[in-house]
N, C-alpha and C. Protein backbone atom coordinates (compact mmCIF):
# COMPACT_ATOMS: atom_id res chain seq x y z
N UNK A 1 -14.45 -3.20 23.75
CA UNK A 1 -14.95 -3.85 22.55
C UNK A 1 -13.76 -4.50 21.83
N UNK A 2 -13.92 -5.75 21.49
CA UNK A 2 -12.89 -6.48 20.77
C UNK A 2 -13.15 -6.41 19.27
N UNK A 3 -12.08 -6.40 18.51
CA UNK A 3 -12.21 -6.37 17.06
C UNK A 3 -11.96 -7.73 16.45
N UNK A 4 -12.33 -7.88 15.21
CA UNK A 4 -12.08 -9.09 14.43
C UNK A 4 -10.81 -8.85 13.64
N UNK A 5 -9.91 -9.82 13.66
CA UNK A 5 -8.64 -9.65 12.95
C UNK A 5 -8.63 -10.55 11.71
N UNK A 6 -8.23 -9.94 10.57
CA UNK A 6 -8.10 -10.67 9.31
C UNK A 6 -6.72 -10.41 8.72
N UNK A 7 -6.28 -11.33 7.87
CA UNK A 7 -4.98 -11.23 7.25
C UNK A 7 -5.14 -11.51 5.76
N UNK A 8 -4.56 -10.64 4.93
CA UNK A 8 -4.64 -10.79 3.47
C UNK A 8 -3.23 -10.69 2.91
N UNK A 9 -2.96 -11.42 1.82
CA UNK A 9 -1.64 -11.29 1.20
C UNK A 9 -1.73 -11.42 -0.32
N UNK A 10 -0.66 -10.94 -0.96
CA UNK A 10 -0.57 -11.01 -2.42
C UNK A 10 -0.24 -12.45 -2.80
N UNK A 11 -1.06 -13.04 -3.65
CA UNK A 11 -0.91 -14.45 -4.02
C UNK A 11 0.16 -14.66 -5.08
N UNK A 12 0.55 -13.60 -5.77
CA UNK A 12 1.55 -13.72 -6.84
C UNK A 12 2.29 -12.39 -6.99
N UNK A 13 3.47 -12.44 -7.62
CA UNK A 13 4.19 -11.20 -7.94
C UNK A 13 3.35 -10.36 -8.89
N UNK A 14 3.41 -9.04 -8.74
CA UNK A 14 2.75 -8.11 -9.65
C UNK A 14 3.84 -7.21 -10.24
N UNK A 15 4.04 -7.32 -11.55
CA UNK A 15 5.08 -6.55 -12.24
C UNK A 15 4.46 -5.30 -12.85
N UNK A 16 5.09 -4.15 -12.56
CA UNK A 16 4.63 -2.86 -13.10
C UNK A 16 5.78 -2.29 -13.92
N UNK A 17 5.55 -2.15 -15.21
CA UNK A 17 6.58 -1.64 -16.12
C UNK A 17 6.03 -0.44 -16.89
N UNK A 18 6.80 0.60 -16.96
CA UNK A 18 6.46 1.80 -17.74
C UNK A 18 5.10 2.37 -17.37
N UNK A 19 4.82 2.47 -16.05
CA UNK A 19 3.54 3.01 -15.64
C UNK A 19 3.62 3.67 -14.26
N UNK A 20 3.20 4.93 -14.21
CA UNK A 20 3.10 5.66 -12.95
C UNK A 20 1.64 5.74 -12.51
N UNK A 21 0.77 4.92 -13.13
CA UNK A 21 -0.65 4.90 -12.79
C UNK A 21 -0.86 3.89 -11.66
N UNK A 22 -1.40 4.36 -10.54
CA UNK A 22 -1.64 3.48 -9.39
C UNK A 22 -2.57 2.35 -9.78
N UNK A 23 -2.25 1.14 -9.29
CA UNK A 23 -3.09 -0.02 -9.57
C UNK A 23 -3.16 -0.94 -8.37
N UNK A 24 -4.26 -1.66 -8.28
CA UNK A 24 -4.42 -2.65 -7.22
C UNK A 24 -3.41 -3.77 -7.43
N UNK A 25 -2.79 -4.21 -6.35
CA UNK A 25 -1.81 -5.30 -6.44
C UNK A 25 -2.29 -6.54 -5.69
N UNK A 26 -3.58 -6.59 -5.39
CA UNK A 26 -4.17 -7.77 -4.78
C UNK A 26 -4.08 -7.83 -3.27
N UNK A 27 -3.70 -6.71 -2.64
CA UNK A 27 -3.67 -6.66 -1.17
C UNK A 27 -4.83 -5.76 -0.76
N UNK A 28 -5.98 -6.39 -0.44
CA UNK A 28 -7.15 -5.59 -0.12
C UNK A 28 -8.03 -6.28 0.91
N UNK A 29 -8.84 -5.47 1.57
CA UNK A 29 -9.73 -5.95 2.61
C UNK A 29 -11.15 -5.45 2.35
N UNK A 30 -12.13 -6.34 2.30
CA UNK A 30 -13.51 -5.88 2.17
C UNK A 30 -13.89 -5.02 3.39
N UNK A 31 -14.63 -3.94 3.14
CA UNK A 31 -15.08 -3.09 4.25
C UNK A 31 -16.58 -2.85 4.09
N UNK A 32 -17.32 -3.05 5.17
CA UNK A 32 -18.78 -2.91 5.16
C UNK A 32 -19.18 -1.45 5.38
N UNK A 33 -20.45 -1.17 5.18
CA UNK A 33 -21.02 0.15 5.42
C UNK A 33 -20.77 0.54 6.88
N UNK A 34 -20.26 1.75 7.09
CA UNK A 34 -20.00 2.34 8.41
C UNK A 34 -18.99 1.57 9.27
N UNK A 35 -18.24 0.69 8.69
CA UNK A 35 -17.26 -0.10 9.44
C UNK A 35 -15.97 0.70 9.65
N UNK A 36 -15.29 0.42 10.75
CA UNK A 36 -13.99 1.01 11.05
C UNK A 36 -12.93 -0.08 10.91
N UNK A 37 -11.82 0.22 10.21
CA UNK A 37 -10.71 -0.73 10.09
C UNK A 37 -9.40 -0.05 10.41
N UNK A 38 -8.57 -0.77 11.12
CA UNK A 38 -7.18 -0.37 11.38
C UNK A 38 -6.34 -1.36 10.59
N UNK A 39 -5.52 -0.85 9.64
CA UNK A 39 -4.73 -1.75 8.80
C UNK A 39 -3.24 -1.50 9.00
N UNK A 40 -2.50 -2.56 8.79
CA UNK A 40 -1.04 -2.48 8.76
C UNK A 40 -0.58 -3.37 7.62
N UNK A 41 0.09 -2.77 6.65
CA UNK A 41 0.53 -3.51 5.46
C UNK A 41 2.04 -3.52 5.36
N UNK A 42 2.59 -4.63 4.85
CA UNK A 42 4.00 -4.79 4.56
C UNK A 42 4.08 -5.15 3.09
N UNK A 43 4.62 -4.23 2.29
CA UNK A 43 4.65 -4.42 0.85
C UNK A 43 6.11 -4.47 0.39
N UNK A 44 6.52 -5.66 -0.05
CA UNK A 44 7.90 -5.84 -0.55
C UNK A 44 7.93 -5.47 -2.02
N UNK A 45 8.86 -4.58 -2.38
CA UNK A 45 8.99 -4.16 -3.77
C UNK A 45 10.42 -4.33 -4.24
N UNK A 46 10.54 -4.87 -5.44
CA UNK A 46 11.83 -4.97 -6.09
C UNK A 46 11.83 -3.93 -7.20
N UNK A 47 12.78 -3.01 -7.18
CA UNK A 47 12.79 -1.92 -8.16
C UNK A 47 14.00 -2.00 -9.06
N UNK A 48 13.82 -1.49 -10.28
CA UNK A 48 14.94 -1.33 -11.20
C UNK A 48 15.81 -0.17 -10.74
N UNK A 49 16.78 0.21 -11.52
CA UNK A 49 17.70 1.27 -11.13
C UNK A 49 17.04 2.64 -11.07
N UNK A 50 15.90 2.80 -11.72
CA UNK A 50 15.20 4.09 -11.70
C UNK A 50 13.70 3.81 -11.59
N UNK A 51 12.91 4.85 -11.58
CA UNK A 51 11.45 4.68 -11.57
C UNK A 51 10.83 4.97 -10.22
N UNK A 52 11.46 4.49 -9.14
CA UNK A 52 10.93 4.74 -7.81
C UNK A 52 9.60 4.06 -7.56
N UNK A 53 8.93 4.49 -6.49
CA UNK A 53 7.68 3.86 -6.07
C UNK A 53 6.71 4.91 -5.55
N UNK A 54 5.41 4.65 -5.77
CA UNK A 54 4.34 5.44 -5.18
C UNK A 54 3.29 4.49 -4.66
N UNK A 55 2.55 4.92 -3.63
CA UNK A 55 1.51 4.07 -3.05
C UNK A 55 0.34 4.91 -2.59
N UNK A 56 -0.80 4.24 -2.45
CA UNK A 56 -2.02 4.89 -2.00
C UNK A 56 -2.89 3.86 -1.29
N UNK A 57 -3.54 4.28 -0.21
CA UNK A 57 -4.57 3.47 0.43
C UNK A 57 -5.89 3.96 -0.15
N UNK A 58 -6.48 3.16 -1.04
CA UNK A 58 -7.74 3.55 -1.69
C UNK A 58 -8.91 2.99 -0.88
N UNK A 59 -9.96 3.79 -0.74
CA UNK A 59 -11.14 3.39 0.04
C UNK A 59 -12.40 3.69 -0.76
N UNK A 60 -13.54 3.11 -0.35
CA UNK A 60 -14.80 3.37 -1.07
C UNK A 60 -15.22 4.85 -0.98
N UNK A 61 -16.00 5.28 -1.95
CA UNK A 61 -16.55 6.64 -1.95
C UNK A 61 -17.32 6.87 -0.66
N UNK A 62 -17.13 8.02 -0.05
CA UNK A 62 -17.85 8.35 1.18
C UNK A 62 -17.12 7.92 2.44
N UNK A 63 -16.06 7.13 2.30
CA UNK A 63 -15.27 6.72 3.46
C UNK A 63 -14.28 7.82 3.82
N UNK A 64 -13.68 7.71 4.99
CA UNK A 64 -12.72 8.69 5.46
C UNK A 64 -11.44 8.00 5.90
N UNK A 65 -10.30 8.45 5.37
CA UNK A 65 -9.01 8.01 5.87
C UNK A 65 -8.69 8.89 7.07
N UNK A 66 -8.75 8.33 8.26
CA UNK A 66 -8.50 9.11 9.46
C UNK A 66 -7.02 9.39 9.63
N UNK A 67 -6.19 8.44 9.22
CA UNK A 67 -4.74 8.64 9.25
C UNK A 67 -4.07 7.63 8.33
N UNK A 68 -2.95 8.02 7.74
CA UNK A 68 -2.12 7.11 6.95
C UNK A 68 -0.66 7.47 7.24
N UNK A 69 0.11 6.47 7.63
CA UNK A 69 1.55 6.64 7.80
C UNK A 69 2.23 5.63 6.89
N UNK A 70 3.17 6.10 6.08
CA UNK A 70 3.90 5.23 5.17
C UNK A 70 5.38 5.37 5.46
N UNK A 71 6.05 4.22 5.56
CA UNK A 71 7.50 4.23 5.77
C UNK A 71 8.15 3.35 4.71
N UNK A 72 9.08 3.93 3.97
CA UNK A 72 9.85 3.20 2.97
C UNK A 72 11.20 2.84 3.56
N UNK A 73 11.50 1.55 3.57
CA UNK A 73 12.77 1.05 4.08
C UNK A 73 13.65 0.68 2.91
N UNK A 74 14.70 1.48 2.68
CA UNK A 74 15.65 1.25 1.60
C UNK A 74 16.72 0.31 2.13
N UNK A 75 16.83 -0.87 1.54
CA UNK A 75 17.77 -1.87 2.04
C UNK A 75 19.12 -1.83 1.32
N UNK A 76 19.22 -1.09 0.22
CA UNK A 76 20.46 -1.03 -0.56
C UNK A 76 21.35 0.11 -0.05
N UNK A 77 20.77 1.30 0.05
CA UNK A 77 21.45 2.45 0.64
C UNK A 77 20.67 2.72 1.92
N UNK A 78 20.99 2.00 2.99
CA UNK A 78 20.13 1.98 4.18
C UNK A 78 19.63 3.35 4.62
N UNK A 79 18.32 3.48 4.55
CA UNK A 79 17.65 4.70 4.99
C UNK A 79 16.16 4.41 5.14
N UNK A 80 15.49 5.32 5.82
CA UNK A 80 14.05 5.21 6.01
C UNK A 80 13.43 6.55 5.65
N UNK A 81 12.36 6.52 4.85
CA UNK A 81 11.62 7.73 4.50
C UNK A 81 10.21 7.56 5.04
N UNK A 82 9.73 8.53 5.79
CA UNK A 82 8.42 8.44 6.41
C UNK A 82 7.52 9.57 5.94
N UNK A 83 6.24 9.25 5.74
CA UNK A 83 5.24 10.24 5.36
C UNK A 83 4.00 10.03 6.21
N UNK A 84 3.47 11.11 6.75
CA UNK A 84 2.20 11.06 7.47
C UNK A 84 1.24 11.95 6.70
N UNK A 85 0.53 11.33 5.75
CA UNK A 85 -0.38 12.09 4.89
C UNK A 85 -1.41 11.15 4.30
N UNK A 86 -2.61 11.66 4.09
CA UNK A 86 -3.70 10.85 3.53
C UNK A 86 -3.76 10.98 2.02
N UNK A 87 -2.59 11.19 1.40
CA UNK A 87 -2.50 11.35 -0.04
C UNK A 87 -1.53 10.31 -0.60
N UNK A 88 -1.19 10.42 -1.86
CA UNK A 88 -0.27 9.48 -2.50
C UNK A 88 1.13 9.66 -1.93
N UNK A 89 1.76 8.56 -1.51
CA UNK A 89 3.16 8.55 -1.08
C UNK A 89 4.02 8.39 -2.32
N UNK A 90 5.07 9.20 -2.46
CA UNK A 90 5.97 9.09 -3.60
C UNK A 90 7.41 9.13 -3.13
N UNK A 91 8.27 8.37 -3.83
CA UNK A 91 9.69 8.38 -3.54
C UNK A 91 10.46 7.97 -4.78
N UNK A 92 11.52 8.68 -5.11
CA UNK A 92 12.31 8.40 -6.31
C UNK A 92 13.04 7.06 -6.23
N UNK A 93 13.43 6.61 -5.07
CA UNK A 93 14.05 5.30 -4.81
C UNK A 93 14.79 4.74 -6.02
N UNK A 94 15.99 5.26 -6.27
CA UNK A 94 16.76 4.84 -7.44
C UNK A 94 17.84 3.83 -7.07
N UNK A 95 17.50 2.91 -6.16
CA UNK A 95 18.44 1.88 -5.72
C UNK A 95 17.94 0.51 -6.16
N UNK A 96 18.61 -0.10 -7.14
CA UNK A 96 18.25 -1.42 -7.63
C UNK A 96 18.28 -2.42 -6.48
N UNK A 97 17.15 -3.09 -6.25
CA UNK A 97 17.09 -4.09 -5.19
C UNK A 97 15.70 -4.24 -4.62
N UNK A 98 15.59 -5.00 -3.53
CA UNK A 98 14.31 -5.25 -2.88
C UNK A 98 14.23 -4.41 -1.61
N UNK A 99 13.13 -3.69 -1.48
CA UNK A 99 12.88 -2.79 -0.36
C UNK A 99 11.48 -3.11 0.17
N UNK A 100 11.03 -2.41 1.22
CA UNK A 100 9.65 -2.62 1.64
C UNK A 100 9.01 -1.35 2.16
N UNK A 101 7.70 -1.31 1.99
CA UNK A 101 6.87 -0.24 2.52
C UNK A 101 6.10 -0.79 3.71
N UNK A 102 6.03 -0.01 4.77
CA UNK A 102 5.15 -0.29 5.91
C UNK A 102 4.08 0.78 5.87
N UNK A 103 2.83 0.36 5.79
CA UNK A 103 1.73 1.31 5.69
C UNK A 103 0.75 1.03 6.82
N UNK A 104 0.44 2.06 7.60
CA UNK A 104 -0.58 1.95 8.64
C UNK A 104 -1.68 2.96 8.34
N UNK A 105 -2.92 2.55 8.50
CA UNK A 105 -4.03 3.46 8.21
C UNK A 105 -5.23 3.12 9.09
N UNK A 106 -6.03 4.14 9.33
CA UNK A 106 -7.32 3.97 10.00
C UNK A 106 -8.38 4.48 9.05
N UNK A 107 -9.39 3.65 8.82
CA UNK A 107 -10.44 3.97 7.85
C UNK A 107 -11.80 3.90 8.53
N UNK A 108 -12.58 4.96 8.39
CA UNK A 108 -13.97 4.95 8.81
C UNK A 108 -14.81 4.98 7.54
N UNK A 109 -15.48 3.87 7.23
CA UNK A 109 -16.24 3.82 6.00
C UNK A 109 -17.56 4.55 6.13
N UNK A 110 -18.11 4.94 4.99
CA UNK A 110 -19.40 5.61 4.93
C UNK A 110 -20.48 4.65 4.48
N UNK A 111 -21.37 5.14 3.61
CA UNK A 111 -22.55 4.39 3.19
C UNK A 111 -22.31 3.45 2.02
N UNK A 112 -21.06 3.33 1.53
CA UNK A 112 -20.77 2.48 0.38
C UNK A 112 -19.79 1.38 0.76
N UNK A 113 -20.24 0.14 0.72
CA UNK A 113 -19.33 -0.98 0.99
C UNK A 113 -18.34 -1.10 -0.18
N UNK A 114 -17.21 -1.70 0.06
CA UNK A 114 -16.21 -1.87 -0.99
C UNK A 114 -14.96 -2.50 -0.43
N UNK A 115 -13.79 -1.98 -0.82
CA UNK A 115 -12.52 -2.52 -0.36
C UNK A 115 -11.59 -1.41 0.10
N UNK A 116 -10.77 -1.73 1.10
CA UNK A 116 -9.58 -0.95 1.41
C UNK A 116 -8.50 -1.62 0.58
N UNK A 117 -7.89 -0.86 -0.32
CA UNK A 117 -7.05 -1.43 -1.37
C UNK A 117 -5.69 -0.73 -1.40
N UNK A 118 -4.61 -1.49 -1.22
CA UNK A 118 -3.27 -0.93 -1.35
C UNK A 118 -2.94 -0.88 -2.84
N UNK A 119 -2.68 0.34 -3.34
CA UNK A 119 -2.36 0.51 -4.75
C UNK A 119 -0.91 0.99 -4.89
N UNK A 120 -0.23 0.49 -5.91
CA UNK A 120 1.19 0.76 -6.12
C UNK A 120 1.42 1.13 -7.59
N UNK A 121 2.46 1.94 -7.84
CA UNK A 121 2.91 2.28 -9.19
C UNK A 121 4.37 2.68 -9.13
N UNK A 122 4.97 2.83 -10.30
CA UNK A 122 6.28 3.45 -10.36
C UNK A 122 6.09 4.94 -10.06
N UNK A 123 7.08 5.57 -9.44
CA UNK A 123 6.98 7.00 -9.19
C UNK A 123 7.04 7.78 -10.51
N UNK A 124 7.95 7.37 -11.38
CA UNK A 124 8.00 7.90 -12.74
C UNK A 124 8.06 6.70 -13.68
N UNK A 125 7.36 6.79 -14.77
CA UNK A 125 7.29 5.68 -15.72
C UNK A 125 8.69 5.32 -16.20
N UNK A 126 9.03 4.02 -16.12
CA UNK A 126 10.36 3.57 -16.50
C UNK A 126 10.30 2.12 -16.98
N UNK A 127 11.15 1.75 -17.92
CA UNK A 127 11.17 0.38 -18.44
C UNK A 127 11.80 -0.60 -17.46
N UNK A 128 12.54 -0.09 -16.46
CA UNK A 128 13.07 -0.96 -15.42
C UNK A 128 11.91 -1.26 -14.45
N UNK A 129 11.43 -2.48 -14.44
CA UNK A 129 10.22 -2.85 -13.71
C UNK A 129 10.29 -2.63 -12.21
N UNK A 130 9.14 -2.37 -11.64
CA UNK A 130 8.91 -2.43 -10.20
C UNK A 130 8.04 -3.66 -9.99
N UNK A 131 8.43 -4.52 -9.06
CA UNK A 131 7.65 -5.73 -8.80
C UNK A 131 7.22 -5.75 -7.35
N UNK A 132 5.91 -5.87 -7.12
CA UNK A 132 5.38 -6.11 -5.79
C UNK A 132 5.46 -7.61 -5.59
N UNK A 133 6.17 -8.03 -4.56
CA UNK A 133 6.48 -9.45 -4.40
C UNK A 133 5.39 -10.24 -3.68
N UNK A 134 5.20 -11.47 -4.14
CA UNK A 134 4.27 -12.41 -3.51
C UNK A 134 4.57 -12.47 -2.02
N UNK A 135 3.53 -12.52 -1.23
CA UNK A 135 3.70 -12.57 0.22
C UNK A 135 3.58 -11.21 0.89
N UNK A 136 3.57 -10.13 0.09
CA UNK A 136 3.27 -8.83 0.68
C UNK A 136 1.90 -8.96 1.33
N UNK A 137 1.68 -8.26 2.44
CA UNK A 137 0.48 -8.58 3.21
C UNK A 137 -0.14 -7.37 3.90
N UNK A 138 -1.36 -7.59 4.39
CA UNK A 138 -2.09 -6.57 5.15
C UNK A 138 -2.80 -7.26 6.30
N UNK A 139 -2.57 -6.74 7.50
CA UNK A 139 -3.21 -7.21 8.72
C UNK A 139 -4.30 -6.19 9.04
N UNK A 140 -5.53 -6.65 9.29
CA UNK A 140 -6.68 -5.75 9.46
C UNK A 140 -7.42 -6.08 10.75
N UNK A 141 -7.69 -5.04 11.53
CA UNK A 141 -8.56 -5.18 12.71
C UNK A 141 -9.83 -4.42 12.40
N UNK A 142 -10.98 -5.09 12.52
CA UNK A 142 -12.28 -4.54 12.16
C UNK A 142 -13.09 -4.28 13.43
N UNK A 143 -13.65 -3.06 13.51
CA UNK A 143 -14.58 -2.70 14.57
C UNK A 143 -15.86 -2.20 13.91
N UNK A 144 -17.00 -2.65 14.36
CA UNK A 144 -18.28 -2.17 13.81
C UNK A 144 -18.84 -1.07 14.66
């Protein structure tokens, strides 16, 4: 069985200042009732000297996250942090500069259509902004 491939990206920078509350940053994919999606997202973030980053793959009520892998690539103090968990990814990331998250997930939706939505926030609320950069993207393969 072949899947349908779609591509979504952030149309503009999203600035998050003084907030650790997860929010949609415009990288999302519509998901139908009982649909299966395999997603791969590349989220470029520019962070202040403190605050860090957190992320979540949000899905409609009744859906199931079968797997989520998140990898944070620190480009200032070169390192990689990986998490394999279906919960919120958090990292203190106190390196001023532009970094990126690679997020892979498999979603089996239930009886409620909606969106698979990449949500981002500061790890701890800080006045040094975290910016999700325009062009961050999500590649989606859909199987019914």
